[in-house]
C-alpha atoms as a PDB file:
ATOM      1  CA  MET A   1      -0.048  -0.042  -0.017  1.00  0.00           C
ATOM      2  CA  LEU A   2       1.308   3.438  -1.023  1.00  0.00           C
ATOM      3  CA  SER A   3       1.832   5.808   1.931  1.00  0.00           C
ATOM      4  CA  ARG A   4      -0.012   9.166   1.498  1.00  0.00           C
ATOM      5  CA  THR A   5       0.833  12.615   2.767  1.00  0.00           C
ATOM      6  CA  GLU A   6      -1.678  13.749   5.458  1.00  0.00           C
ATOM      7  CA  PRO A   7      -3.067  17.270   5.337  1.00  0.00           C
ATOM      8  CA  SER A   8      -1.700  19.930   7.828  1.00  0.00           C
ATOM      9  CA  ALA A   9      -1.082  23.546   7.791  1.00  0.00           C
ATOM     10  CA  GLY A  10       1.609  24.456   5.174  1.00  0.00           C
ATOM     11  CA  LYS A  11       0.869  21.432   2.929  1.00  0.00           C
ATOM     12  CA  LEU A  12      -0.352  21.922  -0.571  1.00  0.00           C
ATOM     13  CA  LEU A  13      -3.692  20.494  -2.010  1.00  0.00           C
ATOM     14  CA  ILE A  14      -3.527  19.653  -5.766  1.00  0.00           C
ATOM     15  CA  SER A  15      -6.691  19.024  -7.586  1.00  0.00           C
ATOM     16  CA  GLU A  16      -6.979  16.028  -9.583  1.00  0.00           C
ATOM     17  CA  PRO A  17      -6.701  16.913 -13.332  1.00  0.00           C
ATOM     18  CA  PHE A  18     -10.297  16.383 -14.248  1.00  0.00           C
ATOM     19  CA  LEU A  19     -12.164  17.984 -11.276  1.00  0.00           C
ATOM     20  CA  SER A  20     -15.196  19.482 -12.668  1.00  0.00           C
ATOM     21  CA  ASP A  21     -15.927  22.081  -9.723  1.00  0.00           C
ATOM     22  CA  PRO A  22     -15.273  25.543 -11.420  1.00  0.00           C
ATOM     23  CA  ASN A  23     -14.100  26.783  -8.073  1.00  0.00           C
ATOM     24  CA  PHE A  24     -11.245  24.282  -7.969  1.00  0.00           C
ATOM     25  CA  LYS A  25     -10.431  23.240 -11.531  1.00  0.00           C
ATOM     26  CA  ARG A  26      -6.620  22.784 -11.518  1.00  0.00           C
ATOM     27  CA  SER A  27      -6.033  24.432  -8.327  1.00  0.00           C
ATOM     28  CA  VAL A  28      -3.206  24.400  -6.033  1.00  0.00           C
ATOM     29  CA  ILE A  29      -4.300  25.400  -2.452  1.00  0.00           C
ATOM     30  CA  LEU A  30      -2.019  26.328   0.491  1.00  0.00           C
ATOM     31  CA  LEU A  31      -3.360  24.882   3.668  1.00  0.00           C
ATOM     32  CA  ALA A  32      -3.346  27.513   6.486  1.00  0.00           C
ATOM     33  CA  GLU A  33      -5.266  25.598   9.016  1.00  0.00           C
ATOM     34  CA  HIS A  34      -6.072  21.751   9.547  1.00  0.00           C
ATOM     35  CA  GLU A  35      -8.096  20.963  12.823  1.00  0.00           C
ATOM     36  CA  GLU A  36     -10.430  18.402  13.861  1.00  0.00           C
ATOM     37  CA  GLU A  37     -13.210  20.926  13.176  1.00  0.00           C
ATOM     38  CA  GLY A  38     -12.198  21.722   9.754  1.00  0.00           C
ATOM     39  CA  THR A  39      -9.631  22.986   7.261  1.00  0.00           C
ATOM     40  CA  LEU A  40      -8.765  26.389   5.655  1.00  0.00           C
ATOM     41  CA  GLY A  41      -6.748  27.283   2.710  1.00  0.00           C
ATOM     42  CA  PHE A  42      -5.897  29.704  -0.246  1.00  0.00           C
ATOM     43  CA  ILE A  43      -5.985  29.000  -4.003  1.00  0.00           C
ATOM     44  CA  LEU A  44      -2.635  29.997  -5.083  1.00  0.00           C
ATOM     45  CA  ASN A  45      -3.309  29.842  -8.884  1.00  0.00           C
ATOM     46  CA  GLN A  46      -6.644  31.737  -9.394  1.00  0.00           C
ATOM     47  CA  PRO A  47      -6.033  35.459 -10.122  1.00  0.00           C
ATOM     48  CA  SER A  48      -8.782  37.831 -10.038  1.00  0.00           C
ATOM     49  CA  SER A  49      -8.975  41.019 -12.198  1.00  0.00           C
ATOM     50  CA  LEU A  50      -8.485  43.085  -9.135  1.00  0.00           C
ATOM     51  CA  LEU A  51      -5.336  44.887  -7.631  1.00  0.00           C
ATOM     52  CA  LEU A  52      -4.868  45.620  -3.955  1.00  0.00           C
ATOM     53  CA  LYS A  53      -5.494  49.399  -4.595  1.00  0.00           C
ATOM     54  CA  ASP A  54      -8.918  48.488  -5.925  1.00  0.00           C
ATOM     55  CA  LEU A  55      -9.928  47.110  -2.537  1.00  0.00           C
ATOM     56  CA  VAL A  56      -8.087  49.337  -0.009  1.00  0.00           C
ATOM     57  CA  PRO A  57      -8.266  52.975  -0.945  1.00  0.00           C
ATOM     58  CA  ASP A  58      -5.457  54.147   1.279  1.00  0.00           C
ATOM     59  CA  LEU A  59      -3.101  51.819  -0.737  1.00  0.00           C
ATOM     60  CA  TRP A  60      -3.142  54.134  -3.758  1.00  0.00           C
ATOM     61  CA  GLN A  61      -0.237  52.772  -5.568  1.00  0.00           C
ATOM     62  CA  ALA A  62      -0.406  48.973  -4.508  1.00  0.00           C
ATOM     63  CA  ASP A  63      -0.547  47.223  -7.851  1.00  0.00           C
ATOM     64  CA  TYR A  64      -0.328  43.847  -6.134  1.00  0.00           C
ATOM     65  CA  PRO A  65      -2.546  41.134  -7.709  1.00  0.00           C
ATOM     66  CA  ILE A  66      -5.559  39.927  -5.762  1.00  0.00           C
ATOM     67  CA  PHE A  67      -6.078  36.039  -6.020  1.00  0.00           C
ATOM     68  CA  ILE A  68      -9.367  34.257  -5.284  1.00  0.00           C
ATOM     69  CA  GLY A  69      -8.695  32.398  -2.203  1.00  0.00           C
ATOM     70  CA  GLY A  70     -11.861  30.258  -2.566  1.00  0.00           C
ATOM     71  CA  PRO A  71     -15.557  30.472  -2.640  1.00  0.00           C
ATOM     72  CA  VAL A  72     -16.024  30.887   1.166  1.00  0.00           C
ATOM     73  CA  GLU A  73     -16.460  34.662   2.444  1.00  0.00           C
ATOM     74  CA  VAL A  74     -15.234  36.406  -0.765  1.00  0.00           C
ATOM     75  CA  ASP A  75     -15.939  39.708   0.808  1.00  0.00           C
ATOM     76  CA  THR A  76     -12.795  39.298   3.270  1.00  0.00           C
ATOM     77  CA  ILE A  77      -9.214  39.857   2.213  1.00  0.00           C
ATOM     78  CA  HIS A  78      -6.395  37.625   3.610  1.00  0.00           C
ATOM     79  CA  PHE A  79      -2.663  37.552   2.983  1.00  0.00           C
ATOM     80  CA  ILE A  80       0.324  35.303   3.379  1.00  0.00           C
ATOM     81  CA  HIS A  81       3.753  36.416   3.531  1.00  0.00           C
ATOM     82  CA  ARG A  82       7.453  35.575   3.799  1.00  0.00           C
ATOM     83  CA  CYS A  83       8.727  38.740   5.405  1.00  0.00           C
ATOM     84  CA  TYR A  84       8.335  38.372   9.112  1.00  0.00           C
ATOM     85  CA  ASP A  85      11.435  40.279   9.616  1.00  0.00           C
ATOM     86  CA  LYS A  86       9.657  43.508   8.159  1.00  0.00           C
ATOM     87  CA  LEU A  87       6.098  42.788   9.558  1.00  0.00           C
ATOM     88  CA  ASN A  88       6.772  41.178  12.946  1.00  0.00           C
ATOM     89  CA  SER A  89       3.313  39.337  12.847  1.00  0.00           C
ATOM     90  CA  GLY A  90       1.651  36.478  11.394  1.00  0.00           C
ATOM     91  CA  GLU A  91       1.218  32.814  12.181  1.00  0.00           C
ATOM     92  CA  GLU A  92       3.636  30.521  10.704  1.00  0.00           C
ATOM     93  CA  ILE A  93       2.221  27.944   8.645  1.00  0.00           C
ATOM     94  CA  ALA A  94       5.306  26.476   6.935  1.00  0.00           C
ATOM     95  CA  ASN A  95       8.850  27.028   7.072  1.00  0.00           C
ATOM     96  CA  GLY A  96       9.132  30.733   6.469  1.00  0.00           C
ATOM     97  CA  ILE A  97       5.610  31.312   5.385  1.00  0.00           C
ATOM     98  CA  TYR A  98       3.045  33.088   7.421  1.00  0.00           C
ATOM     99  CA  TRP A  99      -0.646  33.818   7.438  1.00  0.00           C
ATOM    100  CA  GLY A 100      -1.951  37.120   8.353  1.00  0.00           C
ATOM    101  CA  GLY A 101      -0.461  39.869  10.655  1.00  0.00           C
ATOM    102  CA  ASN A 102      -0.731  43.249  11.372  1.00  0.00           C
ATOM    103  CA  PHE A 103      -2.690  44.840   8.471  1.00  0.00           C
ATOM    104  CA  GLU A 104      -1.948  48.403   9.547  1.00  0.00           C
ATOM    105  CA  THR A 105       1.835  47.783   9.628  1.00  0.00           C
ATOM    106  CA  LEU A 106       1.507  45.881   6.201  1.00  0.00           C
ATOM    107  CA  LYS A 107      -0.235  48.958   4.643  1.00  0.00           C
ATOM    108  CA  ILE A 108       2.730  51.255   5.897  1.00  0.00           C
ATOM    109  CA  LEU A 109       5.139  48.999   4.227  1.00  0.00           C
ATOM    110  CA  VAL A 110       3.242  48.498   1.149  1.00  0.00           C
ATOM    111  CA  ASN A 111       2.986  52.361   0.833  1.00  0.00           C
ATOM    112  CA  ASN A 112       6.704  52.809   1.502  1.00  0.00           C
ATOM    113  CA  ASN A 113       7.550  50.068  -1.071  1.00  0.00           C
ATOM    114  CA  SER A 114       9.377  48.139   1.501  1.00  0.00           C
ATOM    115  CA  ILE A 115       7.574  44.889   0.441  1.00  0.00           C
ATOM    116  CA  SER A 116       7.715  43.344  -2.952  1.00  0.00           C
ATOM    117  CA  GLU A 117       5.158  41.122  -4.744  1.00  0.00           C
ATOM    118  CA  ASN A 118       7.198  38.065  -4.297  1.00  0.00           C
ATOM    119  CA  GLU A 119       7.142  38.606  -0.532  1.00  0.00           C
ATOM    120  CA  VAL A 120       3.197  38.823   0.077  1.00  0.00           C
ATOM    121  CA  LYS A 121       0.139  37.373  -1.679  1.00  0.00           C
ATOM    122  CA  PHE A 122      -3.389  38.674  -1.221  1.00  0.00           C
ATOM    123  CA  PHE A 123      -6.626  36.644  -1.513  1.00  0.00           C
ATOM    124  CA  LEU A 124     -10.280  37.383  -1.591  1.00  0.00           C
ATOM    125  CA  GLY A 125     -12.073  34.698   0.449  1.00  0.00           C
ATOM    126  CA  TYR A 126     -10.574  31.295   1.261  1.00  0.00           C
ATOM    127  CA  SER A 127     -11.345  27.588   0.671  1.00  0.00           C
ATOM    128  CA  GLY A 128     -12.943  25.693   3.500  1.00  0.00           C
ATOM    129  CA  TRP A 129     -13.868  22.182   4.447  1.00  0.00           C
ATOM    130  CA  GLY A 130     -15.910  20.978   7.462  1.00  0.00           C
ATOM    131  CA  LYS A 131     -15.032  18.165   9.714  1.00  0.00           C
ATOM    132  CA  GLU A 132     -13.840  15.070   7.769  1.00  0.00           C
ATOM    133  CA  GLN A 133     -14.909  16.685   4.568  1.00  0.00           C
ATOM    134  CA  LEU A 134     -11.440  16.995   3.235  1.00  0.00           C
ATOM    135  CA  THR A 135     -10.540  13.642   4.295  1.00  0.00           C
ATOM    136  CA  GLU A 136     -13.521  12.101   2.431  1.00  0.00           C
ATOM    137  CA  GLU A 137     -12.583  14.075  -0.658  1.00  0.00           C
ATOM    138  CA  ILE A 138      -8.996  12.832  -0.436  1.00  0.00           C
ATOM    139  CA  ASN A 139     -10.081   9.399  -0.171  1.00  0.00           C
ATOM    140  CA  THR A 140     -12.158   9.861  -3.369  1.00  0.00           C
ATOM    141  CA  ASN A 141      -8.751  11.023  -5.020  1.00  0.00           C
ATOM    142  CA  THR A 142     -10.198  14.534  -5.568  1.00  0.00           C
ATOM    143  CA  TRP A 143      -6.898  15.971  -3.947  1.00  0.00           C
ATOM    144  CA  ILE A 144      -3.247  15.098  -3.827  1.00  0.00           C
ATOM    145  CA  VAL A 145      -1.622  16.242  -0.588  1.00  0.00           C
ATOM    146  CA  SER A 146       2.055  17.347  -0.860  1.00  0.00           C
ATOM    147  CA  GLY A 147       4.422  18.872   1.443  1.00  0.00           C
ATOM    148  CA  LYS A 148       7.249  18.770  -1.243  1.00  0.00           C
ATOM    149  CA  TYR A 149       7.713  22.273  -2.675  1.00  0.00           C
ATOM    150  CA  HIS A 150       9.846  25.353  -2.588  1.00  0.00           C
ATOM    151  CA  GLN A 151       8.321  28.472  -1.083  1.00  0.00           C
ATOM    152  CA  ASP A 152       8.876  30.332  -4.292  1.00  0.00           C
ATOM    153  CA  ILE A 153       6.184  28.264  -5.637  1.00  0.00           C
ATOM    154  CA  VAL A 154       3.694  29.695  -3.053  1.00  0.00           C
ATOM    155  CA  PHE A 155       4.596  33.278  -4.175  1.00  0.00           C
ATOM    156  CA  SER A 156       4.713  32.619  -7.914  1.00  0.00           C
ATOM    157  CA  HIS A 157       2.718  34.707 -10.318  1.00  0.00           C
ATOM    158  CA  ASN A 158       2.881  32.131 -13.059  1.00  0.00           C
ATOM    159  CA  GLU A 159      -0.677  30.868 -12.504  1.00  0.00           C
ATOM    160  CA  GLU A 160      -0.972  29.020 -15.675  1.00  0.00           C
ATOM    161  CA  GLU A 161       2.051  26.706 -14.936  1.00  0.00           C
ATOM    162  CA  LEU A 162       1.729  26.566 -11.199  1.00  0.00           C
ATOM    163  CA  TRP A 163      -0.621  23.345 -11.192  1.00  0.00           C
ATOM    164  CA  ARG A 164       1.669  21.688 -13.660  1.00  0.00           C
ATOM    165  CA  GLU A 165       4.854  22.522 -11.850  1.00  0.00           C
ATOM    166  CA  VAL A 166       3.508  21.204  -8.548  1.00  0.00           C
ATOM    167  CA  ILE A 167       2.412  18.002 -10.161  1.00  0.00           C
ATOM    168  CA  VAL A 168       5.833  17.400 -11.835  1.00  0.00           C
ATOM    169  CA  ASN A 169       7.428  18.061  -8.335  1.00  0.00           C
ATOM    170  CA  LEU A 170       5.572  15.127  -6.915  1.00  0.00           C
ATOM    171  CA  GLY A 171       7.979  12.776  -9.033  1.00  0.00           C
ATOM    172  CA  PRO A 172       7.722  10.255 -11.808  1.00  0.00           C
ATOM    173  CA  LYS A 173       4.609   8.566 -10.513  1.00  0.00           C
ATOM    174  CA  TYR A 174       2.599  11.802 -11.195  1.00  0.00           C
ATOM    175  CA  ALA A 175       4.640  13.682 -13.738  1.00  0.00           C
ATOM    176  CA  HIS A 176       2.565  12.273 -16.817  1.00  0.00           C
ATOM    177  CA  VAL A 177      -0.581  13.600 -15.022  1.00  0.00           C
ATOM    178  CA  SER A 178       0.766  17.092 -15.958  1.00  0.00           C
ATOM    179  CA  ASN A 179       0.153  16.649 -19.696  1.00  0.00           C
ATOM    180  CA  PHE A 180      -3.410  15.519 -19.285  1.00  0.00           C
ATOM    181  CA  PRO A 181      -5.706  17.971 -21.237  1.00  0.00           C
ATOM    182  CA  SER A 182      -8.012  20.113 -19.029  1.00  0.00           C
ATOM    183  CA  ASP A 183     -10.996  18.897 -20.875  1.00  0.00           C
ATOM    184  CA  PRO A 184     -10.789  14.905 -21.358  1.00  0.00           C
ATOM    185  CA  SER A 185     -13.039  15.171 -24.402  1.00  0.00           C
ATOM    186  CA  LEU A 186     -10.066  16.818 -26.234  1.00  0.00           C
ATOM    187  CA  ASN A 187      -7.935  13.524 -25.882  1.00  0.00           C
END
């Protein structure tokens, strides 16, 4: 029997290639929290057409892209970062990757051009699963869980290739999946 990686904060969820749910098609999700009561994460490769300055008026020059974190509470802004040394806040969810923090301090750093796009990523909403829901979806092969990635992947802005790159990083057993068409009828 093959061992599988269990979900936990800091791990990636990678959707199976033919997942039909439009919210999660070819998604890579960074898990921020995995507790007995449920799981929360952010889709890393679903950009919106918005910029941070469109949502936060006092960040008038913030051309940071906004990603769709998931279909839950899409009227909320979340962020992950890898600049604890500048922000001095946030919950570490993976080695050197933090979720949230002091938003007022972040705004000052953004307005002073002290944080770059490759250090922080913003999301509208989040992806969430209730108690046992994610486990059931993993058991039906909806998701692959991986802890094998470089943090640059999390902050990548190459959304088109992110899913493929993460699949290839899983090794030879999965690499061929990266070449599957997104629509199996095109095969």
